[in-house]
Protein backbone atom coordinates (compact mmCIF):
# COMPACT_ATOMS: atom_id res chain seq x y z
CA MET A 1 26.99 -19.77 82.33
CA ALA A 2 23.68 -20.84 80.50
CA THR A 3 25.20 -23.22 77.81
CA THR A 4 23.18 -26.37 78.91
CA VAL A 5 20.47 -27.37 76.60
CA PHE A 6 16.91 -28.22 78.04
CA SER A 7 15.19 -28.00 74.64
CA THR A 8 15.65 -28.07 71.18
CA GLN A 9 13.60 -26.18 68.15
CA MET A 10 13.48 -27.71 64.83
CA ILE A 11 14.09 -24.87 62.25
CA GLU A 12 14.19 -25.40 58.39
CA PHE A 13 17.53 -25.40 56.40
CA LYS A 14 17.04 -24.83 52.87
CA GLY A 15 19.83 -26.62 50.86
CA GLY A 16 20.60 -28.00 47.51
CA ARG A 17 23.22 -30.12 45.88
CA LEU A 18 25.66 -29.01 43.30
CA VAL A 19 26.49 -30.38 39.88
CA PHE A 20 29.78 -30.24 38.00
CA GLU A 21 29.39 -31.17 34.35
CA GLY A 22 32.89 -32.43 32.79
CA ASP A 23 34.82 -35.29 31.95
CA GLU A 24 32.66 -36.75 34.97
CA THR A 25 29.61 -35.82 36.76
CA ARG A 26 30.43 -34.55 40.31
CA GLU A 27 27.37 -33.98 42.89
CA VAL A 28 28.08 -31.93 46.27
CA THR A 29 25.31 -31.62 48.72
CA ILE A 30 25.19 -28.34 50.42
CA GLY A 31 24.22 -28.69 54.11
CA PRO A 32 23.89 -26.10 57.41
CA ASP A 33 27.77 -26.47 57.45
CA PRO A 34 29.93 -24.13 55.43
CA VAL A 35 31.56 -25.41 52.09
CA VAL A 36 34.22 -23.90 50.86
CA VAL A 37 35.11 -24.36 46.79
CA GLY A 38 38.38 -23.92 45.56
CA ARG A 39 41.79 -24.87 43.77
CA ASP A 40 43.31 -25.36 47.37
CA PRO A 41 43.99 -29.08 48.71
CA ALA A 42 42.51 -28.32 52.00
CA CYS A 43 39.23 -26.71 50.19
CA GLN A 44 35.77 -28.56 51.57
CA LEU A 45 34.98 -29.08 47.62
CA VAL A 46 38.44 -29.02 45.50
CA VAL A 47 37.61 -27.81 41.48
CA ASP A 48 41.11 -27.72 40.16
CA GLN A 49 40.11 -25.89 36.74
CA THR A 50 41.30 -22.81 35.08
CA GLY A 51 39.80 -19.98 36.65
CA ILE A 52 39.13 -21.15 40.09
CA SER A 53 40.84 -19.34 42.78
CA SER A 54 42.49 -20.85 46.00
CA MET A 55 39.60 -20.25 47.62
CA HIS A 56 36.78 -19.03 45.35
CA ALA A 57 33.04 -19.48 46.50
CA GLU A 58 31.59 -20.52 49.45
CA LEU A 59 27.95 -22.24 50.00
CA VAL A 60 25.89 -22.92 53.12
CA ALA A 61 22.14 -23.90 53.36
CA THR A 62 20.33 -21.18 55.87
CA PRO A 63 16.63 -20.88 56.38
CA ARG A 64 16.29 -18.31 53.77
CA GLY A 65 18.36 -20.24 50.88
CA VAL A 66 21.53 -21.80 50.30
CA ARG A 67 24.09 -18.72 50.64
CA LEU A 68 26.42 -18.10 47.88
CA ARG A 69 29.52 -15.98 48.78
CA ASP A 70 32.14 -14.96 45.98
CA LEU A 71 35.61 -14.63 48.52
CA GLY A 72 37.51 -12.44 46.64
CA SER A 73 38.42 -14.28 43.97
CA LYS A 74 39.93 -13.04 40.89
CA ASN A 75 37.37 -14.30 38.12
CA GLY A 76 34.31 -13.36 40.08
CA THR A 77 31.47 -15.76 40.93
CA TRP A 78 28.16 -14.97 38.01
CA VAL A 79 24.66 -15.44 38.68
CA SER A 80 22.49 -14.68 35.64
CA ASP A 81 25.39 -12.52 34.09
CA LEU A 82 25.86 -10.56 36.98
CA ARG A 83 29.06 -10.66 39.14
CA ILE A 84 27.98 -11.03 42.71
CA THR A 85 29.55 -10.90 46.69
CA GLU A 86 26.70 -12.59 48.05
CA ALA A 87 23.51 -14.15 46.85
CA PHE A 88 20.73 -16.64 48.08
CA LEU A 89 19.82 -19.73 45.67
CA THR A 90 16.42 -20.37 46.36
CA ALA A 91 15.45 -22.07 42.91
CA ASP A 92 16.77 -24.15 40.35
CA THR A 93 19.62 -22.31 38.54
CA THR A 94 23.00 -22.03 36.84
CA PHE A 95 25.71 -19.59 37.82
CA TRP A 96 29.31 -19.73 37.31
CA ILE A 97 32.83 -19.86 39.25
CA GLY A 98 35.53 -18.22 37.14
CA ARG A 99 34.77 -19.99 33.94
CA THR A 100 33.36 -23.31 35.76
CA GLU A 101 29.76 -23.64 34.76
CA VAL A 102 27.71 -25.11 37.90
CA ARG A 103 24.02 -26.53 38.46
CA PHE A 104 22.17 -25.89 41.34
CA GLU A 105 19.35 -28.13 42.47
CA VAL A 106 16.87 -26.80 45.50
CA ALA A 107 17.02 -30.24 47.93
CA LYS A 108 14.23 -31.14 50.37
CA PRO A 109 14.42 -28.63 53.50
CA GLU A 110 16.48 -30.08 55.82
CA LYS A 111 15.26 -29.72 59.54
CA ILE A 112 17.89 -28.98 62.41
CA ASP A 113 17.73 -29.07 65.73
CA LEU A 114 18.40 -25.73 67.65
CA PRO A 115 19.40 -24.46 71.08
CA ASP A 116 15.89 -23.30 72.49
CA ILE A 117 17.90 -21.06 74.33
CA GLU A 118 18.62 -17.15 74.56
CA ARG A 119 22.10 -17.05 76.11
CA PHE A 120 25.33 -19.31 75.53
CA GLY A 121 27.60 -17.97 78.48
CA PRO A 122 28.04 -13.99 77.41
CA LEU A 123 26.37 -14.06 74.23
CA TYR A 124 22.46 -13.31 73.72
CA GLY A 125 20.09 -14.32 70.79
CA THR A 126 16.61 -15.81 69.97
CA SER A 127 17.39 -15.27 66.20
CA ALA A 128 17.69 -18.60 64.02
CA ALA A 129 21.35 -17.60 62.94
CA MET A 130 22.40 -16.67 66.68
CA ARG A 131 21.04 -20.17 68.02
CA ASP A 132 22.77 -21.70 64.97
CA LEU A 133 25.75 -20.08 66.43
CA PHE A 134 24.98 -21.69 69.89
CA ARG A 135 24.65 -24.93 68.19
CA ARG A 136 28.24 -24.70 66.71
CA LEU A 137 29.65 -23.49 69.75
CA GLN A 138 27.92 -26.52 72.04
CA LYS A 139 29.72 -28.87 69.66
CA GLY A 140 33.03 -27.34 69.37
CA ALA A 141 33.89 -26.07 72.91
CA PRO A 142 34.17 -29.04 74.98
CA THR A 143 36.44 -30.34 71.85
CA ASP A 144 40.67 -29.43 71.21
CA LEU A 145 40.08 -27.88 68.10
CA THR A 146 41.16 -24.70 67.08
CA VAL A 147 38.15 -22.17 66.28
CA LEU A 148 38.32 -19.08 64.47
CA VAL A 149 35.51 -16.70 64.82
CA GLN A 150 34.80 -14.41 61.98
CA GLY A 151 32.39 -11.48 62.14
CA GLU A 152 32.28 -7.43 61.42
CA THR A 153 33.58 -5.18 64.05
CA GLY A 154 31.28 -5.03 67.07
CA THR A 155 29.56 -8.23 66.59
CA GLY A 156 30.90 -9.70 69.64
CA LYS A 157 34.08 -11.91 68.69
CA GLU A 158 35.73 -11.59 71.91
CA LEU A 159 32.84 -12.51 73.86
CA VAL A 160 32.36 -15.92 71.36
CA ALA A 161 35.86 -16.74 72.71
CA GLN A 162 35.04 -16.36 76.09
CA ALA A 163 31.95 -18.43 75.65
CA VAL A 164 34.26 -21.01 74.16
CA HIS A 165 36.89 -21.33 77.23
CA ASP A 166 33.89 -21.27 79.16
CA ALA A 167 32.33 -23.66 77.93
CA SER A 168 35.69 -25.86 77.07
CA HIS A 169 37.68 -28.39 79.75
CA VAL A 170 40.11 -26.11 80.32
CA LYS A 171 37.55 -23.00 81.89
CA LYS A 172 39.58 -23.07 85.34
CA GLY A 173 42.85 -22.43 83.40
CA PRO A 174 43.92 -19.12 82.29
CA PHE A 175 41.74 -16.76 79.65
CA VAL A 176 45.21 -15.06 77.72
CA ILE A 177 44.16 -12.67 75.19
CA VAL A 178 46.86 -11.55 72.21
CA ASP A 179 45.44 -8.69 70.26
CA CYS A 180 47.29 -8.95 67.02
CA GLY A 181 46.20 -5.67 65.55
CA SER A 182 47.80 -3.76 68.28
CA ILE A 183 51.40 -5.23 67.56
CA ALA A 184 53.84 -3.23 65.66
CA PRO A 185 55.19 -5.73 62.67
CA THR A 186 58.61 -5.86 63.97
CA LEU A 187 57.66 -7.10 67.22
CA ALA A 188 55.05 -9.53 66.29
CA GLU A 189 57.11 -12.67 66.68
CA ALA A 190 59.00 -11.55 69.97
CA THR A 191 55.11 -10.43 71.13
CA LEU A 192 54.03 -14.27 70.11
CA PHE A 193 56.76 -16.33 71.23
CA GLY A 194 58.73 -14.60 73.70
CA HIS A 195 62.02 -13.15 73.96
CA GLU A 196 65.55 -13.04 75.82
CA ARG A 197 67.08 -10.34 77.15
CA GLY A 198 68.54 -8.48 74.91
CA ALA A 199 67.42 -10.19 71.97
CA PHE A 200 66.84 -6.76 70.34
CA THR A 201 67.08 -3.08 70.93
CA GLY A 202 65.00 -2.34 73.92
CA ALA A 203 64.27 -5.90 75.20
CA THR A 204 65.88 -4.87 78.56
CA SER A 205 64.11 -7.97 80.21
CA ALA A 206 62.96 -11.39 79.11
CA ARG A 207 59.34 -11.92 77.94
CA GLU A 208 57.42 -15.08 78.34
CA SER A 209 55.32 -16.10 75.38
CA PRO A 210 51.63 -15.94 75.90
CA PHE A 211 51.48 -19.36 74.53
CA VAL A 212 53.26 -20.78 77.49
CA GLU A 213 51.30 -18.26 79.74
CA ALA A 214 47.84 -20.15 78.73
CA THR A 215 49.27 -23.49 79.36
CA GLY A 216 46.24 -25.10 81.14
CA GLY A 217 43.62 -22.49 79.75
CA THR A 218 43.13 -20.78 76.34
CA ILE A 219 44.87 -18.39 74.22
CA PHE A 220 42.65 -15.65 72.49
CA LEU A 221 44.48 -14.44 69.17
CA ASP A 222 42.09 -11.18 68.03
CA GLU A 223 42.40 -9.57 64.69
CA LEU A 224 44.68 -12.26 63.73
CA GLY A 225 44.28 -11.23 60.04
CA GLU A 226 47.12 -8.37 60.96
CA LEU A 227 49.82 -10.59 61.42
CA PRO A 228 52.86 -10.16 59.13
CA LEU A 229 53.02 -12.82 56.21
CA ASP A 230 56.60 -13.55 57.55
CA VAL A 231 55.35 -14.51 60.71
CA GLN A 232 52.63 -16.77 59.71
CA PRO A 233 54.77 -19.94 58.85
CA LYS A 234 56.48 -19.71 62.29
CA LEU A 235 52.83 -19.05 64.25
CA LEU A 236 51.66 -22.32 62.01
CA ARG A 237 54.64 -24.51 63.35
CA ALA A 238 54.02 -23.51 66.81
CA LEU A 239 50.41 -24.23 66.42
CA ALA A 240 51.26 -27.73 64.95
CA GLU A 241 54.19 -28.54 67.24
CA LYS A 242 52.73 -27.07 70.59
CA ARG A 243 56.00 -25.27 71.45
CA VAL A 244 57.37 -22.02 70.69
CA LYS A 245 61.09 -20.60 70.14
CA PRO A 246 61.77 -17.23 71.69
CA VAL A 247 63.58 -14.76 70.16
CA GLY A 248 67.16 -14.76 71.37
CA SER A 249 67.05 -17.94 72.33
CA ASN A 250 68.15 -21.85 70.95
CA THR A 251 65.50 -23.84 72.91
CA TYR A 252 61.75 -24.41 72.27
CA LYS A 253 59.38 -23.98 75.04
CA ALA A 254 56.33 -26.33 75.18
CA PHE A 255 52.53 -25.27 76.04
CA ASP A 256 49.23 -26.91 75.94
CA ALA A 257 46.74 -24.17 75.10
CA ARG A 258 43.07 -24.40 73.48
CA VAL A 259 43.66 -21.78 70.52
CA VAL A 260 40.85 -19.20 69.66
CA ALA A 261 41.65 -16.81 66.69
CA ALA A 262 39.18 -13.77 65.71
CA THR A 263 39.43 -11.38 62.90
CA ARG A 264 37.37 -8.67 60.88
CA ARG A 265 38.96 -9.37 57.52
CA ASP A 266 38.02 -11.82 55.03
CA LEU A 267 40.30 -14.07 55.32
CA GLU A 268 39.68 -15.97 52.44
CA GLY A 269 39.92 -12.96 50.28
CA SER A 270 43.20 -12.36 52.04
CA VAL A 271 44.16 -16.06 51.18
CA ASN A 272 43.62 -15.23 47.50
CA ALA A 273 45.20 -12.12 47.88
CA GLY A 274 48.10 -13.66 48.95
CA THR A 275 48.29 -11.89 52.32
CA PHE A 276 47.30 -14.92 54.62
CA ARG A 277 48.85 -18.23 54.19
CA SER A 278 45.88 -21.08 53.28
CA ASP A 279 47.59 -23.56 55.49
CA LEU A 280 47.40 -21.37 58.52
CA TYR A 281 43.57 -20.79 57.64
CA PHE A 282 42.35 -24.36 57.39
CA ARG A 283 44.52 -24.78 60.90
CA LEU A 284 42.50 -22.07 62.61
CA ALA A 285 39.24 -22.93 60.93
CA GLN A 286 38.74 -26.09 62.36
CA VAL A 287 35.67 -25.21 63.85
CA ARG A 288 34.21 -21.89 62.00
CA ALA A 289 32.32 -19.52 64.01
CA TYR A 290 30.59 -16.56 61.85
CA VAL A 291 29.05 -13.98 63.94
CA PRO A 292 26.28 -12.60 62.26
CA PRO A 293 25.90 -8.72 62.12
CA LEU A 294 23.26 -7.23 63.81
CA ARG A 295 21.14 -5.86 60.63
CA GLN A 296 20.72 -9.33 59.98
CA ARG A 297 19.03 -10.50 62.79
CA LEU A 298 16.98 -7.62 63.99
CA GLU A 299 14.40 -9.67 65.82
CA ASP A 300 17.16 -9.94 68.57
CA VAL A 301 17.26 -5.84 69.13
CA PRO A 302 14.58 -6.00 71.77
CA GLY A 303 16.07 -9.16 73.71
CA LEU A 304 19.38 -7.15 73.60
CA ILE A 305 18.58 -3.67 74.96
CA LYS A 306 16.97 -5.68 77.92
CA HIS A 307 20.11 -7.61 78.27
CA VAL A 308 22.22 -4.76 78.31
CA LEU A 309 19.70 -2.64 80.63
CA GLU A 310 20.19 -5.88 83.10
CA GLN A 311 24.32 -5.83 82.69
CA HIS A 312 24.19 -2.47 83.88
CA GLY A 313 21.29 -2.98 86.75
CA ALA A 314 18.69 -1.08 85.08
CA LYS A 315 16.25 -4.28 84.10
CA ASN A 316 13.25 -1.83 85.27
CA ALA A 317 14.13 0.72 82.56
CA TRP A 318 12.70 -0.91 79.68
CA ARG A 319 9.48 0.12 80.62
CA ARG A 320 11.12 3.54 79.70
CA VAL A 321 11.55 2.38 75.89
CA THR A 322 8.80 3.54 73.81
CA ARG A 323 6.96 1.65 70.87
CA SER A 324 8.48 4.30 69.00
CA THR A 325 11.65 3.99 69.86
CA LEU A 326 11.51 0.28 69.42
CA ASP A 327 10.39 0.77 66.00
CA ARG A 328 12.99 3.28 64.60
CA LEU A 329 15.69 0.85 66.07
CA LEU A 330 13.78 -1.66 64.33
CA ARG A 331 14.56 -0.18 60.77
CA TYR A 332 18.41 0.66 61.75
CA ASP A 333 20.77 -1.19 60.15
CA TRP A 334 23.44 -0.83 63.00
CA PRO A 335 26.59 -0.53 61.44
CA GLY A 336 28.55 -0.67 64.73
CA ASN A 337 26.58 -3.67 65.78
CA VAL A 338 26.00 -4.54 69.09
CA ARG A 339 28.84 -2.53 70.33
CA GLU A 340 26.87 0.46 68.85
CA LEU A 341 23.78 -1.03 71.04
CA ARG A 342 25.35 -1.55 74.17
CA ASN A 343 27.13 2.30 73.72
CA ALA A 344 23.49 3.76 72.72
CA VAL A 345 21.78 1.69 76.00
CA ALA A 346 24.72 3.15 78.27
CA VAL A 347 24.28 6.72 76.16
CA SER A 348 20.36 7.18 77.33
CA LEU A 349 20.90 5.16 80.88
CA ALA A 350 23.80 8.43 81.37
CA LEU A 351 21.73 11.07 79.85
CA SER A 352 18.24 10.75 80.81
CA GLU A 353 16.84 11.17 84.04
CA GLU A 354 14.45 8.64 85.96
CA GLY A 355 11.46 8.44 84.76
CA GLU A 356 11.88 10.03 81.53
CA PRO A 357 11.52 7.88 78.04
CA LEU A 358 14.74 6.07 77.43
CA ASP A 359 15.22 7.52 73.98
CA ILE A 360 18.01 4.95 72.36
CA ALA A 361 17.35 6.32 68.78
CA ALA A 362 18.50 9.71 69.75
CA ALA A 363 21.57 7.90 71.10
CA VAL A 364 22.81 6.60 67.47
CA GLY A 365 21.30 9.61 65.61
CA LEU A 366 18.29 8.81 64.82
CA LYS A 367 15.64 11.62 65.11
CA ALA A 368 12.09 11.51 66.17
CA ALA A 369 9.04 13.03 64.24
CA LYS A 370 9.20 16.83 63.84
CA PRO A 371 7.60 18.33 66.98
CA LYS A 372 5.58 21.28 66.14
CA GLY A 373 6.33 24.71 68.21
CA LYS A 374 9.00 27.75 67.63
CA ILE A 375 12.18 27.41 65.43
CA VAL A 376 15.10 28.58 67.56
CA GLU A 377 16.78 31.07 65.61
CA ALA A 378 20.09 29.86 64.03
CA SER A 379 21.73 33.29 65.29
CA ALA A 380 21.04 31.83 68.68
CA ILE A 381 23.14 28.51 67.70
CA ARG A 382 26.76 28.17 68.34
CA ALA A 383 28.82 27.01 65.47
CA TYR A 384 27.75 23.67 64.96
CA HIS A 385 31.11 22.09 65.34
CA ASP A 386 31.64 23.99 69.04
CA ALA A 387 28.44 22.95 70.03
CA LYS A 388 28.60 19.03 68.77
CA ARG A 389 31.91 19.05 70.82
CA GLU A 390 31.13 20.38 74.03
CA ALA A 391 28.14 17.77 73.97
CA LEU A 392 30.44 14.99 73.23
CA THR A 393 32.85 15.94 75.73
CA GLN A 394 29.82 16.01 78.51
CA PHE A 395 28.35 13.03 77.18
CA GLU A 396 31.90 11.10 77.47
CA ARG A 397 32.56 12.42 81.06
CA ALA A 398 28.75 11.57 82.26
CA TYR A 399 29.20 7.82 80.64
CA PHE A 400 32.15 6.98 81.74
CA LYS A 401 31.70 8.64 85.02
CA GLN A 402 28.74 6.16 85.47
CA LEU A 403 30.93 3.08 84.33
CA VAL A 404 33.67 3.78 87.32
CA ASP A 405 30.99 4.50 89.73
CA ALA A 406 29.26 1.12 88.89
CA THR A 407 32.52 -0.83 88.62
CA ASP A 408 34.98 0.85 90.98
CA GLY A 409 37.26 1.67 88.19
CA ASN A 410 37.68 -1.60 86.91
CA VAL A 411 39.09 -1.58 83.44
CA ALA A 412 38.79 -4.87 82.67
CA GLU A 413 34.78 -4.66 83.36
CA ILE A 414 34.02 -1.35 81.95
CA SER A 415 35.89 -2.50 78.57
CA ARG A 416 33.42 -5.79 78.66
CA ARG A 417 30.59 -3.24 79.23
CA THR A 418 31.32 -0.76 76.43
CA GLY A 419 32.89 -3.39 74.12
CA LEU A 420 36.21 -0.85 73.78
CA GLN A 421 39.31 -2.24 73.83
CA ARG A 422 41.17 -1.29 77.46
CA THR A 423 43.71 0.90 76.04
CA HIS A 424 40.91 2.98 74.67
CA VAL A 425 39.07 3.02 78.06
CA ARG A 426 42.55 4.28 80.06
CA LYS A 427 42.44 6.67 77.35
CA TYR A 428 39.00 8.16 77.99
CA LEU A 429 39.14 7.67 81.86
CA ARG A 430 42.31 9.92 81.66
CA MET A 431 41.20 12.37 79.36
CA HIS A 432 37.81 13.21 81.69
CA GLY A 433 40.17 13.42 84.83
CA LEU A 434 38.27 10.11 86.39
CA ARG A 435 39.73 8.22 88.80
CA GLU A 436 43.23 6.44 88.01
CA PRO A 437 42.13 3.01 86.26
CA ARG A 438 43.12 -0.16 87.73
CA GLY A 439 42.14 -3.74 87.64
CA ALA A 440 43.82 -4.39 83.89
């Protein structure tokens, strides 16, 4: 795995400092590491004043300026009389968090050494945002600190978790995934901590806790933000004590595993809303890894396409991507992020003939310039929904057949290539009568 840094590149991060006026003046420097402002004692900057939420706002220096982000606070974050969700501070200004006035002063740009690499494990990116992520992962992965991965759906959070595991001292141990988003609320405790036979209706046999199964390796808690509130203090205790108590048992079982968690939710906002515990948040966020959406790193799109083509064994197909197609892709906002790009590349490969242009733009629904020529009579076209359904069915079958042939039906590998969960992969394979899935 390509995690060794052979060289670095100096990037300017434009930071600043905050000045709070009150009984006593407080000054806080904002650099490339995020600073959370709020009333919670665990915040990096505690402001215990009326109108401030538990986790009110976050500030971090970026190459563009200091990014100020409201964390779902009750009384809002205000810049120039506008309530903002996110804003970049690039000049001296005054803003408000709740009812508290804060003066921001631009500081001299800080030069940071970023890894001059384009891959970190299965992750790819040459943008400053991705290389800053690689910097954080390189520092945090070799430690025992808990990592919290945050990002939108499709950004590759599971790949980040895998990269952390592969770069850690427990890389030879198991990598156990728990999809918290698919757990029924009533079974969350039993799924996380294990259970004894007969502990509840349907418990016909005992089940080991995934924490214990992950001993000597890494446990990845995916979509952690979906965990029921009543289970969260038990998880916090398990993380603190390094032991779990299976449902129906009176004894604890010790575990020794690296913990990585991920969520697409705004956990800081969930803390303010009372649906996620702040103490659990800070216990998990010892190392924070934010995966930027693809629309914020469009310069990575060409390289990502090449990367995905290589993974499909079609490296030379890059020559079939036209300048026109690439221009359209660079203007697209990619709501499905890297997962959407991966799927679009796979679709265009599956549906194109060898030597034909690879129209990835069409695979995400981007229209090319209107061609000259006859317009097909509307009466000759079937109902839109019927035609769309048939085209989608043909695509799905061709797409998954190619994947089955390329992976020998290995569900885990198909899941990795497509970015789909394994349960969804199995559903598509059964739906289209492809070979019985194996290799889960």
